[in-house]
N, C-alpha and C. Protein backbone atom coordinates (compact mmCIF):
# COMPACT_ATOMS: atom_id res chain seq x y z
N UNK A 1 -6.27 -23.42 -13.12
CA UNK A 1 -7.37 -24.30 -12.88
C UNK A 1 -8.62 -23.48 -12.60
N UNK A 2 -9.74 -23.99 -13.00
CA UNK A 2 -10.99 -23.25 -12.88
C UNK A 2 -11.38 -22.94 -11.44
N UNK A 3 -10.99 -23.75 -10.50
CA UNK A 3 -11.38 -23.53 -9.10
C UNK A 3 -10.89 -22.17 -8.61
N UNK A 4 -9.77 -21.69 -9.13
CA UNK A 4 -9.24 -20.40 -8.69
C UNK A 4 -10.16 -19.25 -9.09
N UNK A 5 -10.99 -19.46 -10.09
CA UNK A 5 -11.89 -18.41 -10.55
C UNK A 5 -13.15 -18.34 -9.71
N UNK A 6 -13.29 -19.28 -8.79
CA UNK A 6 -14.43 -19.29 -7.86
C UNK A 6 -13.89 -19.12 -6.46
N UNK A 7 -14.77 -19.15 -5.50
CA UNK A 7 -14.28 -19.04 -4.13
C UNK A 7 -15.13 -19.91 -3.22
N UNK A 8 -14.79 -19.89 -1.96
CA UNK A 8 -15.58 -20.59 -0.96
C UNK A 8 -16.77 -19.73 -0.53
N UNK A 9 -17.22 -18.83 -1.40
CA UNK A 9 -18.34 -17.92 -1.16
C UNK A 9 -18.28 -17.28 0.22
N UNK A 10 -19.27 -17.50 1.05
CA UNK A 10 -19.33 -16.82 2.34
C UNK A 10 -18.07 -17.05 3.16
N UNK A 11 -17.47 -18.21 3.05
CA UNK A 11 -16.28 -18.50 3.84
C UNK A 11 -15.06 -17.72 3.37
N UNK A 12 -15.07 -17.24 2.14
CA UNK A 12 -13.97 -16.45 1.59
C UNK A 12 -14.43 -15.06 1.18
N UNK A 13 -15.51 -14.61 1.75
CA UNK A 13 -16.13 -13.36 1.34
C UNK A 13 -15.17 -12.18 1.35
N UNK A 14 -14.26 -12.13 2.30
CA UNK A 14 -13.41 -10.95 2.46
C UNK A 14 -11.94 -11.22 2.17
N UNK A 15 -11.64 -12.26 1.41
CA UNK A 15 -10.25 -12.53 1.07
C UNK A 15 -9.95 -12.03 -0.33
N UNK A 16 -8.72 -11.71 -0.56
CA UNK A 16 -8.29 -11.21 -1.86
C UNK A 16 -8.28 -12.34 -2.88
N UNK A 17 -8.44 -12.03 -4.16
CA UNK A 17 -8.36 -13.08 -5.17
C UNK A 17 -6.94 -13.64 -5.26
N UNK A 18 -6.84 -14.86 -5.66
CA UNK A 18 -5.55 -15.53 -5.77
C UNK A 18 -5.65 -16.54 -6.89
N UNK A 19 -4.54 -17.14 -7.23
CA UNK A 19 -4.55 -18.09 -8.33
C UNK A 19 -3.45 -19.13 -8.20
N UNK A 20 -3.22 -19.81 -9.30
CA UNK A 20 -2.25 -20.90 -9.30
C UNK A 20 -0.86 -20.43 -8.87
N UNK A 21 -0.49 -19.22 -9.24
CA UNK A 21 0.85 -18.71 -8.91
C UNK A 21 1.07 -18.63 -7.39
N UNK A 22 0.00 -18.43 -6.62
CA UNK A 22 0.12 -18.32 -5.17
C UNK A 22 -0.12 -19.65 -4.45
N UNK A 23 -0.48 -20.67 -5.18
CA UNK A 23 -0.86 -21.95 -4.57
C UNK A 23 0.38 -22.81 -4.33
N UNK A 24 0.91 -22.72 -3.12
CA UNK A 24 2.11 -23.49 -2.77
C UNK A 24 1.83 -24.99 -2.73
N UNK A 25 0.63 -25.38 -2.37
CA UNK A 25 0.27 -26.80 -2.33
C UNK A 25 0.35 -27.40 -3.73
N UNK A 26 -0.30 -26.74 -4.70
CA UNK A 26 -0.26 -27.23 -6.08
C UNK A 26 1.16 -27.21 -6.63
N UNK A 27 1.89 -26.14 -6.34
CA UNK A 27 3.27 -26.02 -6.84
C UNK A 27 4.14 -27.16 -6.32
N UNK A 28 3.98 -27.52 -5.04
CA UNK A 28 4.74 -28.62 -4.44
C UNK A 28 4.33 -29.95 -5.08
N UNK A 29 3.03 -30.17 -5.26
CA UNK A 29 2.55 -31.41 -5.88
C UNK A 29 3.07 -31.53 -7.32
N UNK A 30 3.02 -30.42 -8.05
CA UNK A 30 3.47 -30.41 -9.44
C UNK A 30 4.98 -30.66 -9.53
N UNK A 31 5.75 -30.11 -8.60
CA UNK A 31 7.19 -30.33 -8.59
C UNK A 31 7.51 -31.81 -8.36
N UNK A 32 6.75 -32.45 -7.47
CA UNK A 32 6.95 -33.88 -7.23
C UNK A 32 6.62 -34.68 -8.49
N UNK A 33 5.56 -34.31 -9.18
CA UNK A 33 5.17 -34.99 -10.43
C UNK A 33 6.26 -34.81 -11.49
N UNK A 34 6.77 -33.59 -11.62
CA UNK A 34 7.81 -33.30 -12.63
C UNK A 34 9.11 -34.04 -12.33
N UNK A 35 9.37 -34.32 -11.06
CA UNK A 35 10.61 -35.00 -10.68
C UNK A 35 10.58 -36.49 -11.02
N UNK A 36 9.41 -37.01 -11.34
CA UNK A 36 9.28 -38.43 -11.67
C UNK A 36 9.69 -38.68 -13.12
N UNK A 37 10.03 -39.93 -13.39
CA UNK A 37 10.25 -40.35 -14.77
C UNK A 37 9.10 -41.28 -15.15
N UNK A 38 8.68 -41.18 -16.40
CA UNK A 38 7.55 -41.96 -16.88
C UNK A 38 7.98 -42.79 -18.09
N UNK A 39 7.36 -43.92 -18.23
CA UNK A 39 7.73 -44.84 -19.31
C UNK A 39 7.35 -44.28 -20.68
N UNK A 40 6.28 -43.50 -20.73
CA UNK A 40 5.86 -42.90 -22.00
C UNK A 40 4.92 -41.73 -21.72
N UNK A 41 4.50 -41.07 -22.78
CA UNK A 41 3.62 -39.90 -22.66
C UNK A 41 2.27 -40.26 -22.04
N UNK A 42 1.77 -41.42 -22.36
CA UNK A 42 0.48 -41.86 -21.80
C UNK A 42 0.58 -42.00 -20.28
N UNK A 43 1.64 -42.57 -19.79
CA UNK A 43 1.85 -42.72 -18.34
C UNK A 43 2.02 -41.36 -17.68
N UNK A 44 2.72 -40.44 -18.35
CA UNK A 44 2.91 -39.08 -17.82
C UNK A 44 1.57 -38.37 -17.69
N UNK A 45 0.73 -38.46 -18.72
CA UNK A 45 -0.60 -37.81 -18.70
C UNK A 45 -1.50 -38.45 -17.64
N UNK A 46 -1.43 -39.77 -17.49
CA UNK A 46 -2.24 -40.46 -16.49
C UNK A 46 -1.83 -40.03 -15.08
N UNK A 47 -0.53 -39.87 -14.85
CA UNK A 47 -0.04 -39.44 -13.54
C UNK A 47 -0.47 -37.99 -13.26
N UNK A 48 -0.48 -37.15 -14.29
CA UNK A 48 -0.94 -35.77 -14.12
C UNK A 48 -2.44 -35.73 -13.80
N UNK A 49 -3.23 -36.54 -14.48
CA UNK A 49 -4.67 -36.60 -14.20
C UNK A 49 -4.92 -37.06 -12.77
N UNK A 50 -4.15 -38.03 -12.31
CA UNK A 50 -4.29 -38.52 -10.93
C UNK A 50 -3.90 -37.41 -9.94
N UNK A 51 -2.86 -36.67 -10.27
CA UNK A 51 -2.42 -35.56 -9.43
C UNK A 51 -3.51 -34.49 -9.34
N UNK A 52 -4.12 -34.17 -10.45
CA UNK A 52 -5.20 -33.18 -10.46
C UNK A 52 -6.37 -33.65 -9.61
N UNK A 53 -6.69 -34.92 -9.67
CA UNK A 53 -7.78 -35.46 -8.86
C UNK A 53 -7.45 -35.39 -7.38
N UNK A 54 -6.21 -35.66 -7.02
CA UNK A 54 -5.80 -35.55 -5.61
C UNK A 54 -5.97 -34.11 -5.14
N UNK A 55 -5.54 -33.15 -5.96
CA UNK A 55 -5.67 -31.73 -5.61
C UNK A 55 -7.15 -31.36 -5.50
N UNK A 56 -7.95 -31.81 -6.44
CA UNK A 56 -9.39 -31.49 -6.43
C UNK A 56 -10.09 -32.00 -5.19
N UNK A 57 -9.56 -33.06 -4.59
CA UNK A 57 -10.27 -33.72 -3.50
C UNK A 57 -9.61 -33.57 -2.14
N UNK A 58 -8.70 -32.63 -2.00
CA UNK A 58 -8.10 -32.39 -0.68
C UNK A 58 -8.55 -31.02 -0.17
N UNK A 59 -8.88 -30.92 1.11
CA UNK A 59 -9.24 -29.62 1.67
C UNK A 59 -8.11 -28.62 1.40
N UNK A 60 -8.49 -27.40 1.06
CA UNK A 60 -7.50 -26.42 0.64
C UNK A 60 -7.68 -25.11 1.40
N UNK A 61 -6.60 -24.54 1.92
CA UNK A 61 -6.72 -23.28 2.67
C UNK A 61 -7.21 -22.11 1.80
N UNK A 62 -6.97 -22.14 0.50
CA UNK A 62 -7.46 -21.07 -0.37
C UNK A 62 -8.98 -21.01 -0.38
N UNK A 63 -9.61 -22.13 -0.10
CA UNK A 63 -11.06 -22.23 -0.19
C UNK A 63 -11.68 -22.47 1.19
N UNK A 64 -11.07 -21.89 2.21
CA UNK A 64 -11.57 -21.99 3.59
C UNK A 64 -11.76 -23.44 4.03
N UNK A 65 -10.87 -24.30 3.58
CA UNK A 65 -10.93 -25.70 3.98
C UNK A 65 -11.83 -26.58 3.12
N UNK A 66 -12.51 -25.99 2.15
CA UNK A 66 -13.29 -26.80 1.21
C UNK A 66 -12.35 -27.44 0.21
N UNK A 67 -12.78 -28.54 -0.38
CA UNK A 67 -12.02 -29.14 -1.48
C UNK A 67 -12.30 -28.34 -2.75
N UNK A 68 -11.32 -28.16 -3.64
CA UNK A 68 -11.59 -27.45 -4.89
C UNK A 68 -12.82 -27.98 -5.64
N UNK A 69 -13.04 -29.29 -5.61
CA UNK A 69 -14.22 -29.85 -6.27
C UNK A 69 -15.50 -29.31 -5.64
N UNK A 70 -15.51 -29.13 -4.32
CA UNK A 70 -16.69 -28.58 -3.65
C UNK A 70 -16.89 -27.12 -4.03
N UNK A 71 -15.80 -26.41 -4.22
CA UNK A 71 -15.89 -25.02 -4.66
C UNK A 71 -16.51 -24.95 -6.05
N UNK A 72 -16.05 -25.82 -6.93
CA UNK A 72 -16.57 -25.83 -8.30
C UNK A 72 -18.04 -26.24 -8.35
N UNK A 73 -18.50 -27.03 -7.39
CA UNK A 73 -19.91 -27.44 -7.35
C UNK A 73 -20.81 -26.25 -7.05
N UNK A 74 -20.26 -25.23 -6.40
CA UNK A 74 -21.03 -24.03 -6.11
C UNK A 74 -21.79 -24.12 -4.80
N UNK A 75 -22.46 -23.04 -4.47
CA UNK A 75 -23.20 -22.96 -3.22
C UNK A 75 -24.68 -23.24 -3.46
N UNK A 76 -25.39 -23.48 -2.37
CA UNK A 76 -26.80 -23.80 -2.47
C UNK A 76 -27.65 -22.88 -1.60
N UNK A 77 -28.90 -23.26 -1.42
CA UNK A 77 -29.86 -22.45 -0.68
C UNK A 77 -29.46 -22.22 0.77
N UNK A 78 -29.01 -23.28 1.44
CA UNK A 78 -28.64 -23.12 2.84
C UNK A 78 -27.47 -22.16 2.99
N UNK A 79 -26.51 -22.26 2.10
CA UNK A 79 -25.36 -21.35 2.17
C UNK A 79 -25.79 -19.91 1.90
N UNK A 80 -26.73 -19.72 0.99
CA UNK A 80 -27.25 -18.38 0.71
C UNK A 80 -27.93 -17.81 1.96
N UNK A 81 -28.70 -18.64 2.65
CA UNK A 81 -29.35 -18.20 3.88
C UNK A 81 -28.32 -17.85 4.95
N UNK A 82 -27.29 -18.69 5.07
CA UNK A 82 -26.24 -18.42 6.04
C UNK A 82 -25.51 -17.12 5.69
N UNK A 83 -25.25 -16.89 4.42
CA UNK A 83 -24.58 -15.66 4.00
C UNK A 83 -25.42 -14.45 4.39
N UNK A 84 -26.70 -14.53 4.16
CA UNK A 84 -27.60 -13.44 4.52
C UNK A 84 -27.58 -13.19 6.03
N UNK A 85 -27.61 -14.27 6.81
CA UNK A 85 -27.56 -14.13 8.26
C UNK A 85 -26.25 -13.51 8.72
N UNK A 86 -25.13 -13.96 8.11
CA UNK A 86 -23.85 -13.39 8.51
C UNK A 86 -23.78 -11.91 8.14
N UNK A 87 -24.23 -11.57 6.95
CA UNK A 87 -24.17 -10.16 6.54
C UNK A 87 -25.07 -9.29 7.41
N UNK A 88 -26.20 -9.82 7.86
CA UNK A 88 -27.04 -9.09 8.81
C UNK A 88 -26.30 -8.88 10.13
N UNK A 89 -25.62 -9.92 10.61
CA UNK A 89 -24.82 -9.81 11.83
C UNK A 89 -23.72 -8.76 11.65
N UNK A 90 -23.04 -8.83 10.53
CA UNK A 90 -21.97 -7.88 10.23
C UNK A 90 -22.51 -6.45 10.24
N UNK A 91 -23.66 -6.25 9.64
CA UNK A 91 -24.27 -4.93 9.61
C UNK A 91 -24.65 -4.46 11.01
N UNK A 92 -25.24 -5.35 11.81
CA UNK A 92 -25.61 -4.97 13.18
C UNK A 92 -24.38 -4.59 14.01
N UNK A 93 -23.31 -5.37 13.87
CA UNK A 93 -22.10 -5.14 14.68
C UNK A 93 -21.29 -3.93 14.24
N UNK A 94 -21.22 -3.72 12.92
CA UNK A 94 -20.25 -2.75 12.42
C UNK A 94 -20.84 -1.53 11.72
N UNK A 95 -22.15 -1.43 11.59
CA UNK A 95 -22.73 -0.33 10.81
C UNK A 95 -22.39 1.05 11.37
N UNK A 96 -22.26 1.15 12.68
CA UNK A 96 -21.96 2.46 13.29
C UNK A 96 -20.56 2.51 13.87
N UNK A 97 -19.80 1.46 13.67
CA UNK A 97 -18.45 1.38 14.24
C UNK A 97 -17.46 2.17 13.39
N UNK A 98 -16.57 2.84 14.05
CA UNK A 98 -15.49 3.56 13.39
C UNK A 98 -14.23 2.69 13.46
N UNK A 99 -13.54 2.57 12.36
CA UNK A 99 -12.32 1.77 12.29
C UNK A 99 -11.12 2.70 12.12
N UNK A 100 -9.97 2.25 12.61
CA UNK A 100 -8.74 3.04 12.49
C UNK A 100 -8.25 3.09 11.05
N UNK A 101 -8.52 2.00 10.32
CA UNK A 101 -8.04 1.93 8.94
C UNK A 101 -8.85 0.87 8.20
N UNK A 102 -8.66 0.81 6.90
CA UNK A 102 -9.31 -0.24 6.10
C UNK A 102 -8.81 -1.62 6.52
N UNK A 103 -7.52 -1.71 6.84
CA UNK A 103 -6.95 -2.97 7.31
C UNK A 103 -7.56 -3.42 8.63
N UNK A 104 -7.80 -2.46 9.54
CA UNK A 104 -8.44 -2.78 10.82
C UNK A 104 -9.86 -3.29 10.58
N UNK A 105 -10.59 -2.66 9.68
CA UNK A 105 -11.96 -3.10 9.36
C UNK A 105 -11.94 -4.52 8.78
N UNK A 106 -11.02 -4.77 7.88
CA UNK A 106 -10.92 -6.10 7.27
C UNK A 106 -10.55 -7.15 8.30
N UNK A 107 -9.60 -6.85 9.15
CA UNK A 107 -9.17 -7.80 10.18
C UNK A 107 -10.32 -8.11 11.14
N UNK A 108 -11.04 -7.11 11.59
CA UNK A 108 -12.16 -7.34 12.50
C UNK A 108 -13.30 -8.11 11.81
N UNK A 109 -13.52 -7.82 10.53
CA UNK A 109 -14.54 -8.54 9.77
C UNK A 109 -14.16 -10.01 9.62
N UNK A 110 -12.91 -10.28 9.27
CA UNK A 110 -12.45 -11.66 9.15
C UNK A 110 -12.51 -12.40 10.48
N UNK A 111 -12.16 -11.71 11.55
CA UNK A 111 -12.24 -12.32 12.88
C UNK A 111 -13.69 -12.69 13.20
N UNK A 112 -14.62 -11.80 12.91
CA UNK A 112 -16.04 -12.08 13.14
C UNK A 112 -16.50 -13.25 12.27
N UNK A 113 -16.09 -13.26 11.01
CA UNK A 113 -16.48 -14.36 10.10
C UNK A 113 -15.97 -15.70 10.60
N UNK A 114 -14.70 -15.77 10.98
CA UNK A 114 -14.12 -17.03 11.44
C UNK A 114 -14.77 -17.50 12.75
N UNK A 115 -15.06 -16.57 13.65
CA UNK A 115 -15.75 -16.95 14.89
C UNK A 115 -17.17 -17.42 14.58
N UNK A 116 -17.86 -16.72 13.71
CA UNK A 116 -19.24 -17.07 13.35
C UNK A 116 -19.30 -18.45 12.69
N UNK A 117 -18.36 -18.74 11.80
CA UNK A 117 -18.42 -20.02 11.07
C UNK A 117 -18.18 -21.21 11.99
N UNK A 118 -17.65 -20.99 13.18
CA UNK A 118 -17.38 -22.08 14.10
C UNK A 118 -18.43 -22.17 15.22
N UNK A 119 -19.45 -21.31 15.18
CA UNK A 119 -20.52 -21.36 16.18
C UNK A 119 -21.47 -22.50 15.85
N UNK A 120 -22.28 -22.89 16.84
CA UNK A 120 -23.25 -23.97 16.62
C UNK A 120 -24.69 -23.52 16.86
N UNK A 121 -25.11 -22.40 16.29
CA UNK A 121 -26.48 -21.98 16.55
C UNK A 121 -27.51 -22.53 15.57
N UNK A 122 -27.09 -23.20 14.54
CA UNK A 122 -27.98 -23.59 13.45
C UNK A 122 -28.35 -25.06 13.56
N UNK A 123 -29.32 -25.37 14.39
CA UNK A 123 -29.76 -26.75 14.55
C UNK A 123 -28.66 -27.67 15.06
N UNK A 124 -27.78 -27.14 15.89
CA UNK A 124 -26.70 -27.95 16.44
C UNK A 124 -25.52 -28.13 15.51
N UNK A 125 -25.56 -27.49 14.34
CA UNK A 125 -24.44 -27.59 13.40
C UNK A 125 -23.78 -26.23 13.22
N UNK A 126 -22.48 -26.26 13.00
CA UNK A 126 -21.75 -25.04 12.70
C UNK A 126 -22.02 -24.66 11.25
N UNK A 127 -21.99 -23.37 10.93
CA UNK A 127 -22.19 -22.96 9.53
C UNK A 127 -21.25 -23.69 8.57
N UNK A 128 -19.99 -23.88 8.98
CA UNK A 128 -19.04 -24.58 8.11
C UNK A 128 -19.51 -25.99 7.80
N UNK A 129 -20.04 -26.68 8.83
CA UNK A 129 -20.53 -28.05 8.62
C UNK A 129 -21.71 -28.08 7.66
N UNK A 130 -22.60 -27.10 7.78
CA UNK A 130 -23.76 -27.01 6.90
C UNK A 130 -23.30 -26.78 5.46
N UNK A 131 -22.39 -25.83 5.28
CA UNK A 131 -21.88 -25.51 3.95
C UNK A 131 -21.16 -26.71 3.35
N UNK A 132 -20.33 -27.35 4.13
CA UNK A 132 -19.59 -28.53 3.67
C UNK A 132 -20.56 -29.63 3.22
N UNK A 133 -21.56 -29.91 4.03
CA UNK A 133 -22.54 -30.95 3.68
C UNK A 133 -23.32 -30.59 2.43
N UNK A 134 -23.74 -29.34 2.32
CA UNK A 134 -24.52 -28.93 1.15
C UNK A 134 -23.68 -28.99 -0.13
N UNK A 135 -22.45 -28.52 -0.06
CA UNK A 135 -21.60 -28.56 -1.25
C UNK A 135 -21.25 -30.00 -1.63
N UNK A 136 -21.06 -30.86 -0.65
CA UNK A 136 -20.81 -32.27 -0.94
C UNK A 136 -22.02 -32.89 -1.63
N UNK A 137 -23.21 -32.56 -1.14
CA UNK A 137 -24.43 -33.05 -1.78
C UNK A 137 -24.55 -32.55 -3.22
N UNK A 138 -24.26 -31.28 -3.43
CA UNK A 138 -24.30 -30.73 -4.80
C UNK A 138 -23.26 -31.40 -5.70
N UNK A 139 -22.08 -31.63 -5.17
CA UNK A 139 -21.02 -32.30 -5.92
C UNK A 139 -21.45 -33.70 -6.30
N UNK A 140 -22.01 -34.43 -5.35
CA UNK A 140 -22.48 -35.79 -5.64
C UNK A 140 -23.62 -35.79 -6.65
N UNK A 141 -24.51 -34.83 -6.55
CA UNK A 141 -25.61 -34.72 -7.51
C UNK A 141 -25.07 -34.47 -8.93
N UNK A 142 -24.07 -33.60 -9.04
CA UNK A 142 -23.47 -33.33 -10.35
C UNK A 142 -22.81 -34.59 -10.90
N UNK A 143 -22.11 -35.32 -10.05
CA UNK A 143 -21.45 -36.56 -10.48
C UNK A 143 -22.47 -37.57 -10.98
N UNK A 144 -23.59 -37.69 -10.26
CA UNK A 144 -24.64 -38.63 -10.68
C UNK A 144 -25.25 -38.22 -12.02
N UNK A 145 -25.51 -36.93 -12.18
CA UNK A 145 -26.07 -36.45 -13.45
C UNK A 145 -25.13 -36.71 -14.61
N UNK A 146 -23.84 -36.46 -14.39
CA UNK A 146 -22.87 -36.72 -15.45
C UNK A 146 -22.78 -38.20 -15.77
N UNK A 147 -22.83 -39.03 -14.74
CA UNK A 147 -22.78 -40.49 -14.95
C UNK A 147 -24.00 -40.95 -15.74
N UNK A 148 -25.18 -40.40 -15.42
CA UNK A 148 -26.40 -40.76 -16.14
C UNK A 148 -26.32 -40.37 -17.61
N UNK A 149 -25.63 -39.29 -17.88
CA UNK A 149 -25.51 -38.82 -19.26
C UNK A 149 -24.37 -39.50 -20.00
N UNK A 150 -23.71 -40.42 -19.32
CA UNK A 150 -22.67 -41.20 -19.98
C UNK A 150 -21.30 -40.59 -19.99
N UNK A 151 -21.09 -39.52 -19.20
CA UNK A 151 -19.74 -38.95 -19.13
C UNK A 151 -18.85 -39.92 -18.37
N UNK A 152 -17.69 -40.05 -18.84
CA UNK A 152 -16.74 -41.00 -18.28
C UNK A 152 -16.28 -40.58 -16.90
N UNK A 153 -16.40 -41.46 -15.91
CA UNK A 153 -15.90 -41.17 -14.57
C UNK A 153 -14.39 -41.01 -14.64
N UNK A 154 -13.90 -40.15 -13.79
CA UNK A 154 -12.45 -39.93 -13.76
C UNK A 154 -12.05 -38.68 -14.50
N UNK A 155 -12.96 -38.11 -15.26
CA UNK A 155 -12.66 -36.86 -15.97
C UNK A 155 -13.24 -35.68 -15.20
N UNK A 156 -12.46 -34.63 -15.04
CA UNK A 156 -12.96 -33.41 -14.45
C UNK A 156 -13.06 -33.46 -12.95
N UNK A 157 -13.71 -32.46 -12.40
CA UNK A 157 -13.77 -32.29 -10.96
C UNK A 157 -14.74 -33.24 -10.28
N UNK A 158 -15.70 -33.80 -11.01
CA UNK A 158 -16.75 -34.56 -10.39
C UNK A 158 -16.44 -36.04 -10.27
N UNK A 159 -15.20 -36.41 -10.48
CA UNK A 159 -14.82 -37.82 -10.39
C UNK A 159 -14.63 -38.23 -8.96
């Protein structure tokens, strides 16, 4: 799925790439779909499309709790500003710090990122809330544009 080729941007900045093979949630959903019997090929395809939409619209740990559809919508200006602020913080905290290993550096960086994303210094909102709202707005904007152009609702990530 295309969502694996993207990420939750700042929220997944320091995680390793992954894909469908590592996605236990999708694998479990797909196994349940395969275990069903369908009256015909059309019903089987419709059930698969519905399954894909459920996956697209559920928060996913691979994407730092964003829905795959929100990941596919991409990031916006506010998220870019937040990324810059976090990277400045990271630089201030760790630029002169010595780490025991690359793993130690990664662990401390991830700990700082997760703590930072749950803070409320940005107008009373946590960075995660800002990112979530902005990506939802972008997703809705894409859906509206596609609807205006006559694309059939229910197809793709923007349904």
